[in-house]
Amino acid sequence: MAKLKDRVQNALQEVRILILGSQVLLGFQFRSIFEPGFEKLPVHSQYLKLVGLGLMTLALGLLVWPGAYHRIVNGGEDTEDLHRFTGGVMGVAMLPFALGLGLDFFIAVERVSGTGFGIICGVLTLLVALFFWYGLGFFRRAQREPKVKERQAMEKENESGGTKTKDKIKHALTEARVILPGAQALLGFQFATILMEAFEKLPASSKYVHLSSLALIASTIVLLMTPAAYHRIVERGEETEHFHRFASRIIVAAMVPLALGISADIFVVVRKVTESTAFAVTASALMSVLFFGLWFGYTTYRRGERAKGGRGVLNQKAA
């Protein structure tokens, strides 16, 4: 049976697999709205593109959440609570991902073969994704549950003490790698968007908002690459608690411009499609609330609750 630290590492690697796909698709979703062919889509397909963009953004927000939880709530420690939380979040994040894929297939097939065939292909794509991501797993889980619980109980008896510094550093660097490649891909799409004809037609204010978003995503990339440089130059590759604290703070800090950058581009694309500044501001604000609420609001609340619980245990022992 895998040890807790290995199960946490595997969970983070699985999040990394999912988030790479969602971030690249998110970049394509942003760019597609500026492509010449977008204007030729039926109005309902243009709005479905916005819905798909929202679903992919939601999936991204959920998949970054475990990293924030690990840094803020657990302080880099490996716990069963973190492992369960990460697994639960991944399970939820796959649903908007599947819905977004279904919508994109509908839009693509509708343009070539008509609405009826587009609906069939979109629904079929959704059902296939749901079967492989949920149905197959739940079917096999019922068969494997007794054996898994038995092995978990045996492993739990053998584990004691906190997480080693080298393992906490490994997890921190993994969490940086979870976000970094997708942010780099998104930045590339943002640079390419500036060169597109549709970008020239945007209001000047939208152009400056997009430039601000570009700068924010670039800041995210700079911050996420900092721990690797710091580890080599300052710590000479040594695994120290100081480096773990530094890397944790940098990773959490990088999530702030990431949230603001994506929310800013949500404003740009929603305003382009709907031609409504008020609706675009609302959508952007809601996305910011979602990101900051998940990554910082809930995690700060959980850290406070955990601190209260720890003080309560100490008080009971003292009494």
C-alpha atoms as a PDB file:
ATOM      1  CA  MET A   1       0.000   0.000   0.000  1.00  0.00           C
ATOM      2  CA  ALA A   2       1.343   3.462  -0.876  1.00  0.00           C
ATOM      3  CA  LYS A   3       2.466   5.652   2.012  1.00  0.00           C
ATOM      4  CA  LEU A   4       0.587   8.873   2.704  1.00  0.00           C
ATOM      5  CA  LYS A   5       3.333  11.079   1.249  1.00  0.00           C
ATOM      6  CA  ASP A   6       3.310   9.007  -1.944  1.00  0.00           C
ATOM      7  CA  ARG A   7      -0.493   9.115  -2.195  1.00  0.00           C
ATOM      8  CA  VAL A   8      -0.403  12.903  -1.824  1.00  0.00           C
ATOM      9  CA  GLN A   9       2.348  13.151  -4.445  1.00  0.00           C
ATOM     10  CA  ASN A  10       0.367  10.930  -6.817  1.00  0.00           C
ATOM     11  CA  ALA A  11      -2.755  13.040  -6.259  1.00  0.00           C
ATOM     12  CA  LEU A  12      -0.796  16.203  -7.098  1.00  0.00           C
ATOM     13  CA  GLN A  13       0.568  14.556 -10.244  1.00  0.00           C
ATOM     14  CA  GLU A  14      -2.992  13.622 -11.254  1.00  0.00           C
ATOM     15  CA  VAL A  15      -4.081  17.221 -10.720  1.00  0.00           C
ATOM     16  CA  ARG A  16      -1.138  18.260 -12.896  1.00  0.00           C
ATOM     17  CA  ILE A  17      -2.347  15.992 -15.715  1.00  0.00           C
ATOM     18  CA  LEU A  18      -5.858  17.444 -15.569  1.00  0.00           C
ATOM     19  CA  ILE A  19      -4.822  21.069 -15.236  1.00  0.00           C
ATOM     20  CA  LEU A  20      -2.472  20.945 -18.234  1.00  0.00           C
ATOM     21  CA  GLY A  21      -5.390  19.977 -20.455  1.00  0.00           C
ATOM     22  CA  SER A  22      -7.777  22.502 -18.942  1.00  0.00           C
ATOM     23  CA  GLN A  23      -5.325  25.421 -19.184  1.00  0.00           C
ATOM     24  CA  VAL A  24      -4.408  24.738 -22.806  1.00  0.00           C
ATOM     25  CA  LEU A  25      -8.095  24.382 -23.721  1.00  0.00           C
ATOM     26  CA  LEU A  26      -8.816  27.575 -21.806  1.00  0.00           C
ATOM     27  CA  GLY A  27      -6.228  29.379 -23.912  1.00  0.00           C
ATOM     28  CA  PHE A  28      -7.846  28.090 -27.109  1.00  0.00           C
ATOM     29  CA  GLN A  29     -11.262  29.164 -25.794  1.00  0.00           C
ATOM     30  CA  PHE A  30      -9.979  32.710 -25.291  1.00  0.00           C
ATOM     31  CA  ARG A  31      -8.302  32.799 -28.698  1.00  0.00           C
ATOM     32  CA  SER A  32     -11.226  31.263 -30.633  1.00  0.00           C
ATOM     33  CA  ILE A  33     -13.393  34.286 -29.835  1.00  0.00           C
ATOM     34  CA  PHE A  34     -10.929  36.464 -31.771  1.00  0.00           C
ATOM     35  CA  GLU A  35     -10.733  34.158 -34.805  1.00  0.00           C
ATOM     36  CA  PRO A  36     -12.450  35.359 -38.029  1.00  0.00           C
ATOM     37  CA  GLY A  37     -14.677  32.272 -38.072  1.00  0.00           C
ATOM     38  CA  PHE A  38     -16.195  33.156 -34.701  1.00  0.00           C
ATOM     39  CA  GLU A  39     -18.250  35.961 -36.289  1.00  0.00           C
ATOM     40  CA  LYS A  40     -19.757  33.433 -38.700  1.00  0.00           C
ATOM     41  CA  LEU A  41     -21.121  31.209 -35.921  1.00  0.00           C
ATOM     42  CA  PRO A  42     -24.829  31.407 -35.053  1.00  0.00           C
ATOM     43  CA  VAL A  43     -25.551  33.693 -32.106  1.00  0.00           C
ATOM     44  CA  HIS A  44     -26.476  30.739 -29.879  1.00  0.00           C
ATOM     45  CA  SER A  45     -23.112  29.092 -30.643  1.00  0.00           C
ATOM     46  CA  GLN A  46     -21.265  32.283 -29.753  1.00  0.00           C
ATOM     47  CA  TYR A  47     -22.963  32.334 -26.366  1.00  0.00           C
ATOM     48  CA  LEU A  48     -22.310  28.612 -25.910  1.00  0.00           C
ATOM     49  CA  LYS A  49     -18.641  29.417 -26.502  1.00  0.00           C
ATOM     50  CA  LEU A  50     -18.843  31.802 -23.548  1.00  0.00           C
ATOM     51  CA  VAL A  51     -20.494  29.072 -21.467  1.00  0.00           C
ATOM     52  CA  GLY A  52     -17.723  26.652 -22.453  1.00  0.00           C
ATOM     53  CA  LEU A  53     -15.130  29.262 -21.502  1.00  0.00           C
ATOM     54  CA  GLY A  54     -16.820  29.657 -18.119  1.00  0.00           C
ATOM     55  CA  LEU A  55     -16.869  25.885 -17.567  1.00  0.00           C
ATOM     56  CA  MET A  56     -13.166  25.525 -18.399  1.00  0.00           C
ATOM     57  CA  THR A  57     -12.352  28.454 -16.120  1.00  0.00           C
ATOM     58  CA  LEU A  58     -14.345  26.808 -13.323  1.00  0.00           C
ATOM     59  CA  ALA A  59     -12.423  23.559 -13.858  1.00  0.00           C
ATOM     60  CA  LEU A  60      -9.145  25.507 -13.664  1.00  0.00           C
ATOM     61  CA  GLY A  61     -10.213  27.221 -10.447  1.00  0.00           C
ATOM     62  CA  LEU A  62     -11.072  23.896  -8.853  1.00  0.00           C
ATOM     63  CA  LEU A  63      -7.841  22.204  -9.946  1.00  0.00           C
ATOM     64  CA  VAL A  64      -5.623  24.984  -8.520  1.00  0.00           C
ATOM     65  CA  TRP A  65      -7.558  24.788  -5.226  1.00  0.00           C
ATOM     66  CA  PRO A  66      -5.697  21.765  -3.699  1.00  0.00           C
ATOM     67  CA  GLY A  67      -2.383  23.612  -4.012  1.00  0.00           C
ATOM     68  CA  ALA A  68      -3.763  26.591  -2.095  1.00  0.00           C
ATOM     69  CA  TYR A  69      -5.291  24.247   0.482  1.00  0.00           C
ATOM     70  CA  HIS A  70      -1.989  22.415   0.942  1.00  0.00           C
ATOM     71  CA  ARG A  71      -0.013  25.639   1.403  1.00  0.00           C
ATOM     72  CA  ILE A  72      -2.470  27.677   3.519  1.00  0.00           C
ATOM     73  CA  VAL A  73      -4.388  25.080   5.559  1.00  0.00           C
ATOM     74  CA  ASN A  74      -1.804  22.331   5.965  1.00  0.00           C
ATOM     75  CA  GLY A  75       1.399  24.381   5.797  1.00  0.00           C
ATOM     76  CA  GLY A  76       2.833  21.777   3.418  1.00  0.00           C
ATOM     77  CA  GLU A  77       2.112  18.837   5.749  1.00  0.00           C
ATOM     78  CA  ASP A  78       0.716  15.628   4.254  1.00  0.00           C
ATOM     79  CA  THR A  79      -2.568  14.582   5.868  1.00  0.00           C
ATOM     80  CA  GLU A  80      -5.422  12.217   5.075  1.00  0.00           C
ATOM     81  CA  ASP A  81      -7.665  15.293   5.015  1.00  0.00           C
ATOM     82  CA  LEU A  82      -5.573  16.806   2.203  1.00  0.00           C
ATOM     83  CA  HIS A  83      -5.617  13.545   0.229  1.00  0.00           C
ATOM     84  CA  ARG A  84      -9.405  13.265   0.522  1.00  0.00           C
ATOM     85  CA  PHE A  85      -9.849  16.957  -0.339  1.00  0.00           C
ATOM     86  CA  THR A  86      -7.671  16.685  -3.453  1.00  0.00           C
ATOM     87  CA  GLY A  87      -9.506  13.589  -4.658  1.00  0.00           C
ATOM     88  CA  GLY A  88     -12.891  15.198  -4.074  1.00  0.00           C
ATOM     89  CA  VAL A  89     -11.944  18.383  -5.910  1.00  0.00           C
ATOM     90  CA  MET A  90     -10.614  16.407  -8.889  1.00  0.00           C
ATOM     91  CA  GLY A  91     -13.869  14.482  -9.052  1.00  0.00           C
ATOM     92  CA  VAL A  92     -15.915  17.691  -9.157  1.00  0.00           C
ATOM     93  CA  ALA A  93     -13.554  19.449 -11.619  1.00  0.00           C
ATOM     94  CA  MET A  94     -14.021  16.748 -14.259  1.00  0.00           C
ATOM     95  CA  LEU A  95     -17.727  17.570 -14.599  1.00  0.00           C
ATOM     96  CA  PRO A  96     -17.359  21.136 -16.007  1.00  0.00           C
ATOM     97  CA  PHE A  97     -14.463  19.808 -18.105  1.00  0.00           C
ATOM     98  CA  ALA A  98     -16.758  17.151 -19.630  1.00  0.00           C
ATOM     99  CA  LEU A  99     -19.555  19.662 -20.189  1.00  0.00           C
ATOM    100  CA  GLY A 100     -17.137  22.072 -21.876  1.00  0.00           C
ATOM    101  CA  LEU A 101     -15.878  19.340 -24.205  1.00  0.00           C
ATOM    102  CA  GLY A 102     -19.450  18.426 -25.119  1.00  0.00           C
ATOM    103  CA  LEU A 103     -20.282  22.040 -25.960  1.00  0.00           C
ATOM    104  CA  ASP A 104     -17.159  22.449 -28.101  1.00  0.00           C
ATOM    105  CA  PHE A 105     -17.966  19.301 -30.063  1.00  0.00           C
ATOM    106  CA  PHE A 106     -21.528  20.516 -30.610  1.00  0.00           C
ATOM    107  CA  ILE A 107     -20.297  23.868 -31.954  1.00  0.00           C
ATOM    108  CA  ALA A 108     -17.687  22.262 -34.232  1.00  0.00           C
ATOM    109  CA  VAL A 109     -20.006  19.593 -35.677  1.00  0.00           C
ATOM    110  CA  GLU A 110     -22.951  21.984 -36.012  1.00  0.00           C
ATOM    111  CA  ARG A 111     -20.909  24.234 -38.277  1.00  0.00           C
ATOM    112  CA  VAL A 112     -20.067  21.334 -40.602  1.00  0.00           C
ATOM    113  CA  SER A 113     -23.082  18.999 -40.410  1.00  0.00           C
ATOM    114  CA  GLY A 114     -25.983  20.961 -38.933  1.00  0.00           C
ATOM    115  CA  THR A 115     -27.642  21.418 -35.554  1.00  0.00           C
ATOM    116  CA  GLY A 116     -29.176  17.943 -35.219  1.00  0.00           C
ATOM    117  CA  PHE A 117     -25.951  16.036 -35.795  1.00  0.00           C
ATOM    118  CA  GLY A 118     -24.118  18.579 -33.643  1.00  0.00           C
ATOM    119  CA  ILE A 119     -26.400  17.853 -30.688  1.00  0.00           C
ATOM    120  CA  ILE A 120     -25.906  14.089 -31.125  1.00  0.00           C
ATOM    121  CA  CYS A 121     -22.101  14.405 -31.225  1.00  0.00           C
ATOM    122  CA  GLY A 122     -22.016  16.863 -28.314  1.00  0.00           C
ATOM    123  CA  VAL A 123     -24.150  14.626 -26.104  1.00  0.00           C
ATOM    124  CA  LEU A 124     -22.190  11.543 -27.142  1.00  0.00           C
ATOM    125  CA  THR A 125     -18.900  13.245 -26.237  1.00  0.00           C
ATOM    126  CA  LEU A 126     -20.312  14.217 -22.843  1.00  0.00           C
ATOM    127  CA  LEU A 127     -21.594  10.690 -22.150  1.00  0.00           C
ATOM    128  CA  VAL A 128     -18.295   9.052 -23.155  1.00  0.00           C
ATOM    129  CA  ALA A 129     -16.344  11.418 -20.884  1.00  0.00           C
ATOM    130  CA  LEU A 130     -18.748  10.843 -17.980  1.00  0.00           C
ATOM    131  CA  PHE A 131     -18.524   7.059 -18.418  1.00  0.00           C
ATOM    132  CA  PHE A 132     -14.723   6.922 -18.393  1.00  0.00           C
ATOM    133  CA  TRP A 133     -14.235   9.609 -15.720  1.00  0.00           C
ATOM    134  CA  TYR A 134     -17.056   8.584 -13.374  1.00  0.00           C
ATOM    135  CA  GLY A 135     -19.020   5.465 -14.380  1.00  0.00           C
ATOM    136  CA  LEU A 136     -16.092   3.092 -14.871  1.00  0.00           C
ATOM    137  CA  GLY A 137     -14.398   4.265 -11.674  1.00  0.00           C
ATOM    138  CA  PHE A 138     -17.490   3.964  -9.458  1.00  0.00           C
ATOM    139  CA  PHE A 139     -18.263   0.501 -10.877  1.00  0.00           C
ATOM    140  CA  ARG A 140     -14.772  -0.783 -10.103  1.00  0.00           C
ATOM    141  CA  ARG A 141     -14.642   1.051  -6.768  1.00  0.00           C
ATOM    142  CA  ALA A 142     -17.507  -1.018  -5.382  1.00  0.00           C
ATOM    143  CA  GLN A 143     -15.571  -4.188  -6.181  1.00  0.00           C
ATOM    144  CA  ARG A 144     -12.243  -2.943  -4.802  1.00  0.00           C
ATOM    145  CA  GLU A 145     -13.502  -1.080  -1.691  1.00  0.00           C
ATOM    146  CA  PRO A 146     -12.962  -3.860   0.934  1.00  0.00           C
ATOM    147  CA  LYS A 147      -9.384  -4.570  -0.153  1.00  0.00           C
ATOM    148  CA  VAL A 148      -8.469  -0.889  -0.357  1.00  0.00           C
ATOM    149  CA  LYS A 149      -9.814  -0.173   3.154  1.00  0.00           C
ATOM    150  CA  GLU A 150      -7.935  -3.152   4.570  1.00  0.00           C
ATOM    151  CA  ARG A 151      -4.639  -1.993   3.088  1.00  0.00           C
ATOM    152  CA  GLN A 152      -5.238   1.604   4.217  1.00  0.00           C
ATOM    153  CA  ALA A 153      -5.817   0.440   7.803  1.00  0.00           C
ATOM    154  CA  MET A 154      -2.576  -1.563   7.739  1.00  0.00           C
ATOM    155  CA  GLU A 155      -0.591   1.363   6.340  1.00  0.00           C
ATOM    156  CA  LYS A 156      -2.055   3.831   8.843  1.00  0.00           C
ATOM    157  CA  GLU A 157      -0.690   1.777  11.724  1.00  0.00           C
ATOM    158  CA  ASN A 158       2.818   1.998  10.281  1.00  0.00           C
ATOM    159  CA  GLU A 159       2.835   5.782   9.724  1.00  0.00           C
ATOM    160  CA  SER A 160       3.821   8.245  12.418  1.00  0.00           C
ATOM    161  CA  GLY A 161       5.335  11.702  12.744  1.00  0.00           C
ATOM    162  CA  GLY A 162       5.063  14.728  10.477  1.00  0.00           C
ATOM    163  CA  THR A 163       6.055  15.112   6.844  1.00  0.00           C
ATOM    164  CA  LYS A 164       9.781  15.238   6.167  1.00  0.00           C
ATOM    165  CA  THR A 165      11.216  18.464   4.801  1.00  0.00           C
ATOM    166  CA  LYS A 166      12.402  16.799   1.585  1.00  0.00           C
ATOM    167  CA  ASP A 167       8.880  15.520   0.909  1.00  0.00           C
ATOM    168  CA  LYS A 168       7.309  18.917   1.616  1.00  0.00           C
ATOM    169  CA  ILE A 169       9.756  20.528  -0.828  1.00  0.00           C
ATOM    170  CA  LYS A 170       8.957  17.889  -3.453  1.00  0.00           C
ATOM    171  CA  HIS A 171       5.240  18.632  -3.105  1.00  0.00           C
ATOM    172  CA  ALA A 172       5.818  22.395  -3.266  1.00  0.00           C
ATOM    173  CA  LEU A 173       7.801  22.098  -6.505  1.00  0.00           C
ATOM    174  CA  THR A 174       5.131  19.779  -7.934  1.00  0.00           C
ATOM    175  CA  GLU A 175       2.451  22.353  -7.133  1.00  0.00           C
ATOM    176  CA  ALA A 176       4.485  25.014  -8.937  1.00  0.00           C
ATOM    177  CA  ARG A 177       4.737  22.692 -11.962  1.00  0.00           C
ATOM    178  CA  VAL A 178       0.976  22.126 -11.812  1.00  0.00           C
ATOM    179  CA  ILE A 179       0.256  25.781 -12.608  1.00  0.00           C
ATOM    180  CA  LEU A 180       3.321  26.857 -14.612  1.00  0.00           C
ATOM    181  CA  PRO A 181       2.989  25.064 -18.012  1.00  0.00           C
ATOM    182  CA  GLY A 182      -0.636  26.084 -18.451  1.00  0.00           C
ATOM    183  CA  ALA A 183       0.132  29.679 -17.473  1.00  0.00           C
ATOM    184  CA  GLN A 184       2.914  29.709 -20.066  1.00  0.00           C
ATOM    185  CA  ALA A 185       0.553  28.381 -22.752  1.00  0.00           C
ATOM    186  CA  LEU A 186      -2.070  30.956 -21.773  1.00  0.00           C
ATOM    187  CA  LEU A 187       0.518  33.739 -22.023  1.00  0.00           C
ATOM    188  CA  GLY A 188       1.426  32.553 -25.528  1.00  0.00           C
ATOM    189  CA  PHE A 189      -2.214  32.747 -26.608  1.00  0.00           C
ATOM    190  CA  GLN A 190      -2.464  36.229 -25.107  1.00  0.00           C
ATOM    191  CA  PHE A 191       0.549  37.425 -27.111  1.00  0.00           C
ATOM    192  CA  ALA A 192      -0.884  35.877 -30.304  1.00  0.00           C
ATOM    193  CA  THR A 193      -4.277  37.518 -29.722  1.00  0.00           C
ATOM    194  CA  ILE A 194      -2.719  40.992 -30.016  1.00  0.00           C
ATOM    195  CA  LEU A 195      -1.695  40.192 -33.599  1.00  0.00           C
ATOM    196  CA  MET A 196      -5.170  39.107 -34.702  1.00  0.00           C
ATOM    197  CA  GLU A 197      -7.470  41.256 -36.825  1.00  0.00           C
ATOM    198  CA  ALA A 198     -10.371  41.004 -34.357  1.00  0.00           C
ATOM    199  CA  PHE A 199      -8.194  42.538 -31.640  1.00  0.00           C
ATOM    200  CA  GLU A 200      -7.927  45.760 -33.650  1.00  0.00           C
ATOM    201  CA  LYS A 201     -11.715  46.133 -33.550  1.00  0.00           C
ATOM    202  CA  LEU A 202     -11.888  46.067 -29.743  1.00  0.00           C
ATOM    203  CA  PRO A 203     -12.521  49.291 -27.792  1.00  0.00           C
ATOM    204  CA  ALA A 204      -9.320  50.890 -26.524  1.00  0.00           C
ATOM    205  CA  SER A 205     -10.289  50.096 -22.933  1.00  0.00           C
ATOM    206  CA  SER A 206     -10.577  46.361 -23.736  1.00  0.00           C
ATOM    207  CA  LYS A 207      -7.148  46.428 -25.361  1.00  0.00           C
ATOM    208  CA  TYR A 208      -5.602  47.902 -22.225  1.00  0.00           C
ATOM    209  CA  VAL A 209      -7.426  45.394 -20.022  1.00  0.00           C
ATOM    210  CA  HIS A 210      -5.982  42.606 -22.176  1.00  0.00           C
ATOM    211  CA  LEU A 211      -2.488  44.094 -21.819  1.00  0.00           C
ATOM    212  CA  SER A 212      -3.002  44.229 -18.053  1.00  0.00           C
ATOM    213  CA  SER A 213      -4.066  40.571 -18.112  1.00  0.00           C
ATOM    214  CA  LEU A 214      -0.965  39.707 -20.125  1.00  0.00           C
ATOM    215  CA  ALA A 215       1.240  41.448 -17.538  1.00  0.00           C
ATOM    216  CA  LEU A 216      -0.508  39.638 -14.677  1.00  0.00           C
ATOM    217  CA  ILE A 217      -0.074  36.186 -16.248  1.00  0.00           C
ATOM    218  CA  ALA A 218       3.580  37.032 -16.968  1.00  0.00           C
ATOM    219  CA  SER A 219       3.966  37.927 -13.265  1.00  0.00           C
ATOM    220  CA  THR A 220       2.512  34.533 -12.360  1.00  0.00           C
ATOM    221  CA  ILE A 221       5.111  32.797 -14.531  1.00  0.00           C
ATOM    222  CA  VAL A 222       7.988  34.837 -13.072  1.00  0.00           C
ATOM    223  CA  LEU A 223       6.870  34.011  -9.520  1.00  0.00           C
ATOM    224  CA  LEU A 224       6.401  30.286 -10.207  1.00  0.00           C
ATOM    225  CA  MET A 225       9.901  30.020 -11.714  1.00  0.00           C
ATOM    226  CA  THR A 226      11.461  31.810  -8.724  1.00  0.00           C
ATOM    227  CA  PRO A 227      11.627  28.831  -6.296  1.00  0.00           C
ATOM    228  CA  ALA A 228      13.736  26.779  -8.736  1.00  0.00           C
ATOM    229  CA  ALA A 229      16.225  29.630  -9.168  1.00  0.00           C
ATOM    230  CA  TYR A 230      16.267  30.363  -5.418  1.00  0.00           C
ATOM    231  CA  HIS A 231      16.841  26.671  -4.641  1.00  0.00           C
ATOM    232  CA  ARG A 232      19.854  26.509  -6.947  1.00  0.00           C
ATOM    233  CA  ILE A 233      21.455  29.865  -6.099  1.00  0.00           C
ATOM    234  CA  VAL A 234      20.704  30.375  -2.387  1.00  0.00           C
ATOM    235  CA  GLU A 235      20.303  26.857  -0.999  1.00  0.00           C
ATOM    236  CA  ARG A 236      22.678  25.155  -3.496  1.00  0.00           C
ATOM    237  CA  GLY A 237      20.016  22.465  -3.952  1.00  0.00           C
ATOM    238  CA  GLU A 238      19.849  21.612  -0.232  1.00  0.00           C
ATOM    239  CA  GLU A 239      16.457  20.667   1.229  1.00  0.00           C
ATOM    240  CA  THR A 240      15.821  23.109   4.066  1.00  0.00           C
ATOM    241  CA  GLU A 241      12.759  24.259   5.979  1.00  0.00           C
ATOM    242  CA  HIS A 242      13.655  27.836   5.023  1.00  0.00           C
ATOM    243  CA  PHE A 243      13.347  26.998   1.325  1.00  0.00           C
ATOM    244  CA  HIS A 244      10.031  25.220   1.906  1.00  0.00           C
ATOM    245  CA  ARG A 245       8.594  28.318   3.622  1.00  0.00           C
ATOM    246  CA  PHE A 246       9.919  30.554   0.829  1.00  0.00           C
ATOM    247  CA  ALA A 247       8.522  28.329  -1.944  1.00  0.00           C
ATOM    248  CA  SER A 248       5.141  28.091  -0.207  1.00  0.00           C
ATOM    249  CA  ARG A 249       4.804  31.881   0.021  1.00  0.00           C
ATOM    250  CA  ILE A 250       5.819  32.344  -3.622  1.00  0.00           C
ATOM    251  CA  ILE A 251       3.330  29.727  -4.869  1.00  0.00           C
ATOM    252  CA  VAL A 252       0.477  31.315  -2.922  1.00  0.00           C
ATOM    253  CA  ALA A 253       1.506  34.783  -4.117  1.00  0.00           C
ATOM    254  CA  ALA A 254       1.523  33.590  -7.748  1.00  0.00           C
ATOM    255  CA  MET A 255      -2.156  32.663  -7.497  1.00  0.00           C
ATOM    256  CA  VAL A 256      -3.143  36.329  -7.001  1.00  0.00           C
ATOM    257  CA  PRO A 257      -2.057  37.659 -10.444  1.00  0.00           C
ATOM    258  CA  LEU A 258      -3.258  34.395 -12.039  1.00  0.00           C
ATOM    259  CA  ALA A 259      -6.792  34.982 -10.742  1.00  0.00           C
ATOM    260  CA  LEU A 260      -6.756  38.664 -11.718  1.00  0.00           C
ATOM    261  CA  GLY A 261      -5.294  37.964 -15.175  1.00  0.00           C
ATOM    262  CA  ILE A 262      -7.867  35.342 -16.127  1.00  0.00           C
ATOM    263  CA  SER A 263     -10.719  37.465 -14.747  1.00  0.00           C
ATOM    264  CA  ALA A 264      -9.513  40.449 -16.780  1.00  0.00           C
ATOM    265  CA  ASP A 265      -9.569  38.457 -20.013  1.00  0.00           C
ATOM    266  CA  ILE A 266     -13.032  37.147 -19.111  1.00  0.00           C
ATOM    267  CA  PHE A 267     -14.102  40.808 -19.172  1.00  0.00           C
ATOM    268  CA  VAL A 268     -12.579  41.279 -22.642  1.00  0.00           C
ATOM    269  CA  VAL A 269     -14.210  38.249 -24.286  1.00  0.00           C
ATOM    270  CA  VAL A 270     -17.610  38.650 -22.627  1.00  0.00           C
ATOM    271  CA  ARG A 271     -17.712  42.301 -23.665  1.00  0.00           C
ATOM    272  CA  LYS A 272     -16.773  41.358 -27.236  1.00  0.00           C
ATOM    273  CA  VAL A 273     -19.519  38.733 -27.555  1.00  0.00           C
ATOM    274  CA  THR A 274     -22.338  40.465 -25.669  1.00  0.00           C
ATOM    275  CA  GLU A 275     -21.357  44.089 -26.420  1.00  0.00           C
ATOM    276  CA  SER A 276     -22.392  44.836 -22.836  1.00  0.00           C
ATOM    277  CA  THR A 277     -19.860  46.424 -20.483  1.00  0.00           C
ATOM    278  CA  ALA A 278     -22.079  45.843 -17.456  1.00  0.00           C
ATOM    279  CA  PHE A 279     -22.451  42.136 -18.207  1.00  0.00           C
ATOM    280  CA  ALA A 280     -18.709  41.822 -18.820  1.00  0.00           C
ATOM    281  CA  VAL A 281     -17.862  43.529 -15.511  1.00  0.00           C
ATOM    282  CA  THR A 282     -20.311  41.245 -13.698  1.00  0.00           C
ATOM    283  CA  ALA A 283     -18.855  38.082 -15.269  1.00  0.00           C
ATOM    284  CA  SER A 284     -15.300  39.196 -14.491  1.00  0.00           C
ATOM    285  CA  ALA A 285     -16.183  40.078 -10.899  1.00  0.00           C
ATOM    286  CA  LEU A 286     -17.924  36.738 -10.368  1.00  0.00           C
ATOM    287  CA  MET A 287     -14.866  34.899 -11.674  1.00  0.00           C
ATOM    288  CA  SER A 288     -12.616  36.871  -9.315  1.00  0.00           C
ATOM    289  CA  VAL A 289     -14.904  36.046  -6.387  1.00  0.00           C
ATOM    290  CA  LEU A 290     -14.818  32.365  -7.373  1.00  0.00           C
ATOM    291  CA  PHE A 291     -11.020  32.231  -7.553  1.00  0.00           C
ATOM    292  CA  PHE A 292     -10.288  34.253  -4.416  1.00  0.00           C
ATOM    293  CA  GLY A 293     -13.108  32.568  -2.516  1.00  0.00           C
ATOM    294  CA  LEU A 294     -11.839  29.061  -3.286  1.00  0.00           C
ATOM    295  CA  TRP A 295      -8.095  29.671  -3.136  1.00  0.00           C
ATOM    296  CA  PHE A 296      -7.912  32.126  -0.226  1.00  0.00           C
ATOM    297  CA  GLY A 297     -11.303  32.570   1.461  1.00  0.00           C
ATOM    298  CA  TYR A 298     -12.192  28.941   2.171  1.00  0.00           C
ATOM    299  CA  THR A 299      -8.603  27.927   2.878  1.00  0.00           C
ATOM    300  CA  THR A 300      -8.103  30.777   5.367  1.00  0.00           C
ATOM    301  CA  TYR A 301     -11.352  29.789   7.067  1.00  0.00           C
ATOM    302  CA  ARG A 302     -10.238  26.136   7.278  1.00  0.00           C
ATOM    303  CA  ARG A 303      -6.848  27.142   8.692  1.00  0.00           C
ATOM    304  CA  GLY A 304      -8.601  29.162  11.387  1.00  0.00           C
ATOM    305  CA  GLU A 305     -10.903  26.251  12.214  1.00  0.00           C
ATOM    306  CA  ARG A 306      -7.963  23.873  12.398  1.00  0.00           C
ATOM    307  CA  ALA A 307      -6.069  26.284  14.671  1.00  0.00           C
ATOM    308  CA  LYS A 308      -9.107  26.505  16.987  1.00  0.00           C
ATOM    309  CA  GLY A 309      -9.329  22.716  17.051  1.00  0.00           C
ATOM    310  CA  GLY A 310      -5.655  22.428  17.943  1.00  0.00           C
ATOM    311  CA  ARG A 311      -5.997  24.960  20.778  1.00  0.00           C
ATOM    312  CA  GLY A 312      -9.052  23.096  22.055  1.00  0.00           C
ATOM    313  CA  VAL A 313      -7.088  19.837  22.257  1.00  0.00           C
ATOM    314  CA  LEU A 314      -4.234  21.570  24.106  1.00  0.00           C
ATOM    315  CA  ASN A 315      -6.691  23.114  26.596  1.00  0.00           C
ATOM    316  CA  GLN A 316      -8.258  19.722  27.260  1.00  0.00           C
ATOM    317  CA  LYS A 317      -4.846  18.208  27.925  1.00  0.00           C
ATOM    318  CA  ALA A 318      -3.908  21.090  30.232  1.00  0.00           C
ATOM    319  CA  ALA A 319      -7.159  20.668  32.189  1.00  0.00           C
END
